[in-house]
């Protein structure tokens, strides 16, 4: 106590600051005291001004002079007939009201609420909002045709929770089918896909896209028709692997015949789903490369890699899928015959899937991991005779399959 008193005496500003809060504490005791027989509503808050925000507004106000006022509430009913509320405590002079589905003027209600729960009379005020976050998402929406798939790309400038609803319509063997898919996202930039769109008449799909938010708002983004890209599995009977040590533009063919692995197993069309110990294994240090002679010029579109299931962790249901020394990151190159050089195409990092149970790893791993050569904008590569697979992480892999078309 002496030390505190001394500090207050030596520093009058501290003393005055402390005295202020002691007095405020006395006032707050009155403010927060509950009276069961209090049925008198507080006065009306005084609206001062507002500032536009994306999908909302910042409202500036003054509290009524009632001693027991707890907060000021702003509210409105949105287009989904839901009431959206925002409150501000006694110790602030503004609040943000958000969730409007469009820019422009909106009417909100303001009222004060006291400790006993009494509400003041509501007053209507007009505020102005900027374009809401979901409008920015809708404006940025892109639909890209892919190989038996559709890609959707968008920007979420404000990283607000948004939902993208995609409604597909297409003919399959003459019958009209419909499919609905919903994506949720918080990412600044997102890419999502709808896959396995096969056996569709004329490869033509109609789609409607809507963007929704957590307030129940929904706005249309796109209404269009696209034609899917079409490719085929390339014929591995024509493929060969140059011998280990073969060099092409200073790139060496690695040796995959170590620790029970076999070089030719990489392109024999057999995976470890039903044939354990069918894999390629190298002791080369990453990065190492496998050069594939396709036997003819082709335009490439997709790759499917199959991991090794057998090995050091094969005692478990998951086996070695998505762990161990499986190749989980790689680069892809094609040979440019005009300049006699390797042309980098893209990198793919295989992500460990989120599963509900361990047996799901086996199901997903058996199906293989697919990647587009050009993931940002699916298309065919330029014609090439040679493909190069460069492993960035991992020492073994079971199978490589390529899609595309021959010239």
Protein backbone atom coordinates (compact mmCIF):
# COMPACT_ATOMS: atom_id res chain seq x y z
CA UNK A 1 0.00 0.00 0.00
CA UNK A 2 2.79 2.42 0.83
CA UNK A 3 4.48 1.75 -2.48
CA UNK A 4 1.27 2.33 -4.39
CA UNK A 5 0.52 5.51 -2.46
CA UNK A 6 4.02 6.73 -3.11
CA UNK A 7 3.67 6.08 -6.82
CA UNK A 8 0.41 7.99 -6.95
CA UNK A 9 1.92 10.91 -5.04
CA UNK A 10 5.01 11.07 -7.22
CA UNK A 11 2.95 10.74 -10.40
CA UNK A 12 -0.30 12.74 -10.34
CA UNK A 13 -1.37 11.37 -13.73
CA UNK A 14 -1.36 7.83 -12.37
CA UNK A 15 -3.31 9.00 -9.33
CA UNK A 16 -5.95 10.69 -11.46
CA UNK A 17 -6.14 7.67 -13.77
CA UNK A 18 -6.72 5.33 -10.84
CA UNK A 19 -9.27 7.65 -9.26
CA UNK A 20 -11.18 7.78 -12.55
CA UNK A 21 -11.52 4.01 -12.71
CA UNK A 22 -12.59 3.77 -9.06
CA UNK A 23 -15.36 6.27 -9.79
CA UNK A 24 -16.26 4.45 -13.00
CA UNK A 25 -16.44 1.24 -11.00
CA UNK A 26 -19.05 2.84 -8.74
CA UNK A 27 -21.05 3.93 -11.77
CA UNK A 28 -20.76 0.50 -13.39
CA UNK A 29 -22.14 -1.06 -10.19
CA UNK A 30 -25.29 0.91 -10.85
CA UNK A 31 -25.18 0.12 -14.55
CA UNK A 32 -24.95 -3.64 -14.04
CA UNK A 33 -27.27 -3.87 -11.06
CA UNK A 34 -30.35 -5.93 -11.90
CA UNK A 35 -33.73 -4.72 -10.79
CA UNK A 36 -36.50 -7.28 -11.17
CA UNK A 37 -39.16 -4.60 -11.18
CA UNK A 38 -37.45 -2.47 -13.86
CA UNK A 39 -39.81 -2.28 -16.81
CA UNK A 40 -38.77 1.14 -18.06
CA UNK A 41 -37.18 0.99 -21.51
CA UNK A 42 -34.01 3.00 -22.08
CA UNK A 43 -33.81 5.99 -24.36
CA UNK A 44 -33.24 5.76 -28.09
CA UNK A 45 -29.61 5.64 -29.33
CA UNK A 46 -28.58 8.63 -31.40
CA UNK A 47 -27.45 7.79 -34.95
CA UNK A 48 -24.49 9.92 -36.05
CA UNK A 49 -23.15 8.53 -39.33
CA UNK A 50 -22.18 5.37 -41.18
CA UNK A 51 -19.24 4.19 -43.28
CA UNK A 52 -19.67 1.70 -46.17
CA UNK A 53 -18.01 -1.71 -45.79
CA UNK A 54 -17.93 -4.76 -48.11
CA UNK A 55 -21.40 -6.22 -47.65
CA UNK A 56 -22.09 -4.00 -44.67
CA UNK A 57 -21.59 -0.69 -42.87
CA UNK A 58 -19.91 0.71 -39.77
CA UNK A 59 -22.51 2.58 -37.74
CA UNK A 60 -21.50 5.43 -35.42
CA UNK A 61 -23.86 6.43 -32.61
CA UNK A 62 -24.23 7.81 -29.07
CA UNK A 63 -25.70 5.83 -26.22
CA UNK A 64 -28.75 7.18 -24.42
CA UNK A 65 -28.05 8.67 -20.99
CA UNK A 66 -29.77 5.89 -19.04
CA UNK A 67 -27.42 4.50 -16.37
CA UNK A 68 -28.34 0.85 -16.94
CA UNK A 69 -27.90 0.65 -20.73
CA UNK A 70 -25.83 -2.43 -21.65
CA UNK A 71 -25.59 -2.30 -25.43
CA UNK A 72 -26.90 -0.94 -28.69
CA UNK A 73 -28.25 -3.38 -31.29
CA UNK A 74 -28.47 -2.98 -35.06
CA UNK A 75 -30.55 -5.44 -37.08
CA UNK A 76 -32.18 -6.07 -40.43
CA UNK A 77 -34.03 -8.89 -42.22
CA UNK A 78 -32.09 -10.32 -45.16
CA UNK A 79 -33.32 -11.74 -48.45
CA UNK A 80 -33.64 -15.20 -46.88
CA UNK A 81 -36.03 -13.77 -44.26
CA UNK A 82 -33.39 -14.22 -41.54
CA UNK A 83 -32.78 -11.53 -38.93
CA UNK A 84 -29.14 -10.44 -38.81
CA UNK A 85 -28.03 -8.66 -35.61
CA UNK A 86 -24.94 -6.87 -34.40
CA UNK A 87 -24.39 -5.37 -30.93
CA UNK A 88 -21.94 -2.93 -29.36
CA UNK A 89 -21.21 -2.69 -25.64
CA UNK A 90 -21.42 0.52 -23.65
CA UNK A 91 -17.68 1.14 -23.99
CA UNK A 92 -17.67 1.72 -27.75
CA UNK A 93 -19.28 4.19 -30.09
CA UNK A 94 -19.66 2.12 -33.25
CA UNK A 95 -20.63 -1.32 -34.56
CA UNK A 96 -20.31 -3.20 -37.84
CA UNK A 97 -23.46 -4.61 -39.40
CA UNK A 98 -22.67 -7.04 -42.25
CA UNK A 99 -24.27 -9.71 -44.42
CA UNK A 100 -26.01 -7.60 -47.06
CA UNK A 101 -26.40 -9.41 -50.38
CA UNK A 102 -25.79 -6.36 -52.58
CA UNK A 103 -24.23 -2.93 -52.62
CA UNK A 104 -26.28 0.22 -52.20
CA UNK A 105 -28.64 1.53 -49.54
CA UNK A 106 -30.17 -0.64 -46.83
CA UNK A 107 -32.48 0.12 -43.91
CA UNK A 108 -31.43 -1.07 -40.46
CA UNK A 109 -33.11 -0.82 -37.06
CA UNK A 110 -31.28 0.64 -34.03
CA UNK A 111 -32.27 0.18 -30.41
CA UNK A 112 -30.76 0.20 -26.92
CA UNK A 113 -31.08 -2.62 -24.39
CA UNK A 114 -30.69 -2.27 -20.61
CA UNK A 115 -29.60 -4.65 -17.87
CA UNK A 116 -33.15 -5.83 -17.22
CA UNK A 117 -33.61 -6.69 -20.89
CA UNK A 118 -35.85 -3.73 -21.67
CA UNK A 119 -35.56 -2.56 -25.26
CA UNK A 120 -35.92 0.99 -26.43
CA UNK A 121 -38.07 2.04 -29.31
CA UNK A 122 -36.53 0.96 -32.62
CA UNK A 123 -35.52 3.62 -35.12
CA UNK A 124 -34.91 3.09 -38.82
CA UNK A 125 -31.71 4.38 -40.35
CA UNK A 126 -30.33 4.11 -43.87
CA UNK A 127 -26.78 2.85 -44.44
CA UNK A 128 -24.81 2.17 -47.61
CA UNK A 129 -22.90 -1.05 -48.31
CA UNK A 130 -20.17 -1.89 -50.82
CA UNK A 131 -20.24 -5.06 -52.94
CA UNK A 132 -20.41 -8.05 -50.56
CA UNK A 133 -17.61 -10.67 -50.47
CA UNK A 134 -19.73 -13.25 -52.30
CA UNK A 135 -20.19 -10.80 -55.20
CA UNK A 136 -16.41 -10.56 -55.57
CA UNK A 137 -16.24 -14.36 -55.66
CA UNK A 138 -19.02 -14.57 -58.26
CA UNK A 139 -17.33 -11.93 -60.43
CA UNK A 140 -14.06 -13.88 -60.42
CA UNK A 141 -15.59 -17.31 -61.14
CA UNK A 142 -14.05 -19.24 -64.04
CA UNK A 143 -15.15 -22.57 -65.51
CA UNK A 144 -12.53 -24.58 -67.40
CA UNK A 145 -13.13 -27.66 -69.49
CA UNK A 146 -10.91 -30.54 -68.46
CA UNK A 147 -10.40 -34.20 -69.28
CA UNK A 148 -13.60 -35.94 -68.17
CA UNK A 149 -13.85 -33.19 -65.60
CA UNK A 150 -14.70 -29.55 -64.94
CA UNK A 151 -12.42 -27.10 -63.11
CA UNK A 152 -13.74 -24.13 -61.15
CA UNK A 153 -11.43 -21.27 -60.18
CA UNK A 154 -12.27 -18.24 -58.05
CA UNK A 155 -10.77 -15.50 -55.88
CA UNK A 156 -12.06 -14.87 -52.37
CA UNK A 157 -10.58 -11.40 -51.76
CA UNK A 158 -11.81 -11.12 -48.17
CA UNK A 159 -11.22 -14.82 -47.25
CA UNK A 160 -14.76 -15.03 -45.89
CA UNK A 161 -16.50 -18.44 -45.61
CA UNK A 162 -18.24 -19.03 -48.93
CA UNK A 163 -20.09 -21.91 -50.58
CA UNK A 164 -20.12 -22.61 -54.30
CA UNK A 165 -23.08 -24.64 -55.58
CA UNK A 166 -22.73 -26.22 -59.02
CA UNK A 167 -25.75 -27.75 -60.77
CA UNK A 168 -24.95 -29.93 -63.79
CA UNK A 169 -27.30 -31.15 -66.53
CA UNK A 170 -26.22 -33.55 -69.29
CA UNK A 171 -27.38 -36.39 -71.48
CA UNK A 172 -26.01 -39.86 -70.93
CA UNK A 173 -27.13 -42.47 -73.44
CA UNK A 174 -30.08 -40.21 -74.28
CA UNK A 175 -31.27 -39.83 -70.69
CA UNK A 176 -31.17 -36.42 -68.98
CA UNK A 177 -29.20 -36.52 -65.71
CA UNK A 178 -28.64 -33.89 -63.04
CA UNK A 179 -25.87 -33.59 -60.47
CA UNK A 180 -25.37 -31.10 -57.64
CA UNK A 181 -22.00 -30.41 -56.00
CA UNK A 182 -21.24 -27.92 -53.19
CA UNK A 183 -17.77 -26.67 -52.29
CA UNK A 184 -16.90 -24.66 -49.17
CA UNK A 185 -13.81 -22.49 -48.98
CA UNK A 186 -11.91 -19.86 -47.00
CA UNK A 187 -8.94 -19.68 -49.36
CA UNK A 188 -7.85 -16.50 -51.08
CA UNK A 189 -7.53 -18.38 -54.38
CA UNK A 190 -9.15 -21.76 -54.86
CA UNK A 191 -9.40 -24.43 -57.56
CA UNK A 192 -11.93 -27.25 -57.31
CA UNK A 193 -12.89 -29.99 -59.74
CA UNK A 194 -15.84 -32.21 -60.58
CA UNK A 195 -14.43 -35.42 -61.97
CA UNK A 196 -15.49 -38.77 -63.44
CA UNK A 197 -17.75 -37.14 -66.04
CA UNK A 198 -17.63 -40.01 -68.52
CA UNK A 199 -19.88 -41.40 -71.26
CA UNK A 200 -21.63 -38.05 -71.69
CA UNK A 201 -23.37 -37.51 -75.02
CA UNK A 202 -21.31 -35.17 -77.22
CA UNK A 203 -19.22 -34.39 -74.08
CA UNK A 204 -21.57 -31.44 -73.53
CA UNK A 205 -22.61 -30.23 -70.06
CA UNK A 206 -24.87 -27.35 -68.97
CA UNK A 207 -24.19 -25.84 -65.58
CA UNK A 208 -25.49 -23.17 -63.20
CA UNK A 209 -23.18 -21.85 -60.50
CA UNK A 210 -24.29 -19.99 -57.37
CA UNK A 211 -22.21 -18.42 -54.61
CA UNK A 212 -23.62 -18.47 -51.07
CA UNK A 213 -22.49 -17.13 -47.70
CA UNK A 214 -23.06 -17.86 -44.01
CA UNK A 215 -25.90 -15.31 -43.87
CA UNK A 216 -28.04 -17.33 -46.27
CA UNK A 217 -27.44 -15.04 -49.25
CA UNK A 218 -27.20 -16.62 -52.70
CA UNK A 219 -26.29 -14.96 -56.00
CA UNK A 220 -25.82 -16.45 -59.48
CA UNK A 221 -22.25 -16.60 -60.79
CA UNK A 222 -22.45 -18.42 -64.13
CA UNK A 223 -24.96 -20.06 -66.45
CA UNK A 224 -23.17 -21.73 -69.33
CA UNK A 225 -22.55 -24.83 -71.43
CA UNK A 226 -19.12 -26.38 -71.97
CA UNK A 227 -17.67 -29.26 -73.95
CA UNK A 228 -15.35 -31.58 -72.05
CA UNK A 229 -11.87 -32.42 -73.28
CA UNK A 230 -11.33 -36.03 -74.27
CA UNK A 231 -8.18 -38.16 -74.04
CA UNK A 232 -7.18 -41.84 -74.00
CA UNK A 233 -4.79 -44.06 -72.09
CA UNK A 234 -1.59 -44.30 -74.11
CA UNK A 235 -0.50 -47.73 -75.31
CA UNK A 236 2.33 -48.98 -73.09
CA UNK A 237 3.13 -51.80 -75.50
CA UNK A 238 4.97 -49.18 -77.53
CA UNK A 239 6.95 -47.84 -74.57
CA UNK A 240 10.56 -48.61 -73.68
CA UNK A 241 12.86 -47.51 -70.90
CA UNK A 242 16.43 -46.66 -71.96
CA UNK A 243 19.08 -48.57 -69.99
CA UNK A 244 20.36 -47.14 -66.69
CA UNK A 245 23.08 -44.60 -67.34
CA UNK A 246 21.59 -43.50 -70.68
CA UNK A 247 22.04 -39.74 -71.00
CA UNK A 248 19.73 -37.32 -72.80
CA UNK A 249 20.60 -33.61 -72.66
CA UNK A 250 22.76 -34.22 -69.57
CA UNK A 251 19.94 -36.09 -67.79
CA UNK A 252 20.84 -39.62 -66.67
CA UNK A 253 18.45 -42.54 -66.66
CA UNK A 254 18.36 -43.86 -63.11
CA UNK A 255 18.56 -47.56 -62.15
CA UNK A 256 15.40 -48.97 -60.59
CA UNK A 257 16.61 -52.54 -60.10
CA UNK A 258 17.54 -52.30 -56.40
CA UNK A 259 16.19 -53.93 -53.23
CA UNK A 260 13.88 -56.29 -55.08
CA UNK A 261 12.64 -53.64 -57.48
CA UNK A 262 12.55 -54.05 -61.22
CA UNK A 263 12.99 -51.28 -63.77
CA UNK A 264 10.43 -52.71 -66.17
CA UNK A 265 7.74 -52.98 -63.46
CA UNK A 266 7.27 -49.23 -63.76
CA UNK A 267 5.48 -49.49 -67.12
CA UNK A 268 4.15 -53.07 -67.22
CA UNK A 269 0.52 -52.09 -66.54
CA UNK A 270 0.52 -53.98 -63.20
CA UNK A 271 0.07 -52.26 -59.82
CA UNK A 272 0.37 -53.60 -56.29
CA UNK A 273 -3.38 -53.69 -55.79
CA UNK A 274 -3.43 -57.41 -56.51
CA UNK A 275 0.23 -58.11 -57.24
CA UNK A 276 2.53 -57.27 -54.32
CA UNK A 277 6.25 -56.70 -54.93
CA UNK A 278 5.69 -55.15 -58.35
CA UNK A 279 7.69 -51.96 -58.07
CA UNK A 280 10.62 -49.81 -59.19
CA UNK A 281 13.25 -49.05 -56.50
CA UNK A 282 16.34 -46.88 -56.85
CA UNK A 283 19.15 -45.96 -54.49
CA UNK A 284 19.80 -42.72 -56.38
CA UNK A 285 19.65 -39.49 -54.40
CA UNK A 286 16.72 -37.17 -55.15
CA UNK A 287 16.14 -35.74 -57.62
CA UNK A 288 16.42 -38.70 -59.98
CA UNK A 289 14.85 -39.19 -63.40
CA UNK A 290 13.15 -41.86 -65.45
CA UNK A 291 13.10 -41.30 -69.20
CA UNK A 292 10.27 -42.99 -71.11
CA UNK A 293 10.40 -43.51 -74.87
CA UNK A 294 6.74 -43.43 -75.93
CA UNK A 295 7.47 -45.17 -79.22
CA UNK A 296 5.67 -42.51 -81.23
CA UNK A 297 4.87 -38.83 -81.01
CA UNK A 298 2.00 -38.06 -78.65
CA UNK A 299 0.31 -35.08 -77.07
CA UNK A 300 0.12 -35.69 -73.30
CA UNK A 301 -2.66 -34.61 -70.94
CA UNK A 302 -2.66 -36.54 -67.63
CA UNK A 303 -0.58 -38.87 -65.50
CA UNK A 304 -1.65 -41.49 -62.98
CA UNK A 305 0.95 -42.82 -60.56
CA UNK A 306 0.51 -45.89 -58.37
CA UNK A 307 2.45 -46.17 -55.16
CA UNK A 308 4.14 -49.18 -53.66
CA UNK A 309 1.96 -50.94 -51.07
CA UNK A 310 4.42 -53.64 -50.03
CA UNK A 311 7.54 -53.01 -47.99
CA UNK A 312 8.48 -52.00 -44.49
CA UNK A 313 4.93 -51.06 -43.37
CA UNK A 314 2.92 -53.64 -45.32
CA UNK A 315 1.86 -55.31 -42.06
CA UNK A 316 -0.78 -52.58 -41.60
CA UNK A 317 -3.97 -51.98 -43.56
CA UNK A 318 -2.56 -48.76 -45.00
CA UNK A 319 0.63 -50.50 -46.06
CA UNK A 320 3.18 -48.07 -47.49
CA UNK A 321 0.55 -45.94 -49.24
CA UNK A 322 1.21 -42.21 -48.70
CA UNK A 323 4.28 -42.85 -46.52
CA UNK A 324 7.55 -44.72 -46.42
CA UNK A 325 9.80 -43.95 -49.39
CA UNK A 326 7.04 -43.71 -51.97
CA UNK A 327 7.48 -40.95 -54.52
CA UNK A 328 5.19 -38.22 -53.19
CA UNK A 329 6.54 -35.26 -55.18
CA UNK A 330 7.75 -35.15 -58.78
CA UNK A 331 8.35 -32.92 -61.79
CA UNK A 332 7.24 -33.65 -65.36
CA UNK A 333 9.11 -32.80 -68.56
CA UNK A 334 8.59 -33.39 -72.27
CA UNK A 335 11.30 -33.52 -74.93
CA UNK A 336 11.40 -30.59 -77.35
CA UNK A 337 12.93 -32.04 -80.51
CA UNK A 338 13.27 -28.64 -82.15
CA UNK A 339 15.80 -27.38 -79.63
CA UNK A 340 16.98 -30.77 -78.28
CA UNK A 341 16.14 -29.93 -74.69
CA UNK A 342 13.82 -30.94 -71.88
CA UNK A 343 10.86 -28.62 -71.37
CA UNK A 344 9.54 -28.37 -67.82
CA UNK A 345 5.78 -28.95 -67.64
CA UNK A 346 4.70 -28.91 -63.99
CA UNK A 347 5.27 -30.27 -60.50
CA UNK A 348 2.86 -32.48 -58.59
CA UNK A 349 2.83 -33.03 -54.83
CA UNK A 350 0.74 -36.00 -53.75
CA UNK A 351 -1.25 -35.12 -50.64
CA UNK A 352 -2.12 -37.63 -47.95
CA UNK A 353 -5.90 -38.08 -48.16
CA UNK A 354 -8.19 -37.42 -45.21
CA UNK A 355 -9.96 -40.69 -44.45
CA UNK A 356 -12.63 -41.92 -42.06
CA UNK A 357 -10.98 -45.28 -41.49
CA UNK A 358 -7.63 -46.88 -42.23
CA UNK A 359 -9.01 -49.21 -44.89
CA UNK A 360 -9.80 -46.14 -47.01
CA UNK A 361 -6.06 -45.65 -47.64
CA UNK A 362 -5.99 -48.99 -49.47
CA UNK A 363 -9.01 -48.11 -51.60
CA UNK A 364 -7.68 -44.67 -52.56
CA UNK A 365 -4.11 -45.88 -53.09
CA UNK A 366 -5.23 -48.76 -55.30
CA UNK A 367 -6.99 -46.26 -57.59
CA UNK A 368 -3.78 -44.29 -58.07
CA UNK A 369 -3.07 -40.57 -57.89
CA UNK A 370 -3.99 -38.49 -60.92
CA UNK A 371 -2.50 -35.16 -61.99
CA UNK A 372 -2.93 -32.93 -65.03
CA UNK A 373 0.20 -31.94 -66.86
CA UNK A 374 -1.18 -28.41 -66.91
CA UNK A 375 -3.27 -28.16 -63.73
CA UNK A 376 -3.97 -24.42 -63.97
CA UNK A 377 -5.47 -24.76 -67.45
CA UNK A 378 -5.89 -28.37 -68.63
CA UNK A 379 -4.74 -28.93 -72.19
CA UNK A 380 -2.59 -31.20 -74.33
CA UNK A 381 1.15 -30.79 -74.46
CA UNK A 382 2.99 -30.11 -77.69
CA UNK A 383 3.86 -33.31 -79.60
CA UNK A 384 6.69 -35.28 -77.99
CA UNK A 385 8.36 -38.67 -78.27
CA UNK A 386 9.95 -38.71 -74.79
CA UNK A 387 8.56 -38.13 -71.31
CA UNK A 388 10.68 -37.51 -68.22
CA UNK A 389 9.56 -38.26 -64.67
CA UNK A 390 11.76 -36.55 -62.07
CA UNK A 391 11.26 -37.71 -58.47
CA UNK A 392 11.75 -34.93 -55.92
CA UNK A 393 10.86 -37.01 -52.90
CA UNK A 394 10.95 -40.80 -52.56
CA UNK A 395 12.83 -43.87 -53.80
CA UNK A 396 10.19 -46.27 -55.05
CA UNK A 397 7.00 -46.35 -57.12
CA UNK A 398 4.87 -49.10 -58.62
CA UNK A 399 3.46 -47.77 -61.91
CA UNK A 400 3.24 -44.79 -64.25
CA UNK A 401 0.35 -44.34 -66.71
CA UNK A 402 0.00 -41.50 -69.21
CA UNK A 403 -3.05 -40.13 -71.01
CA UNK A 404 -3.21 -38.10 -74.18
CA UNK A 405 -3.57 -38.69 -77.89
CA UNK A 406 -1.26 -39.85 -80.65
CA UNK A 407 -0.75 -37.79 -83.75
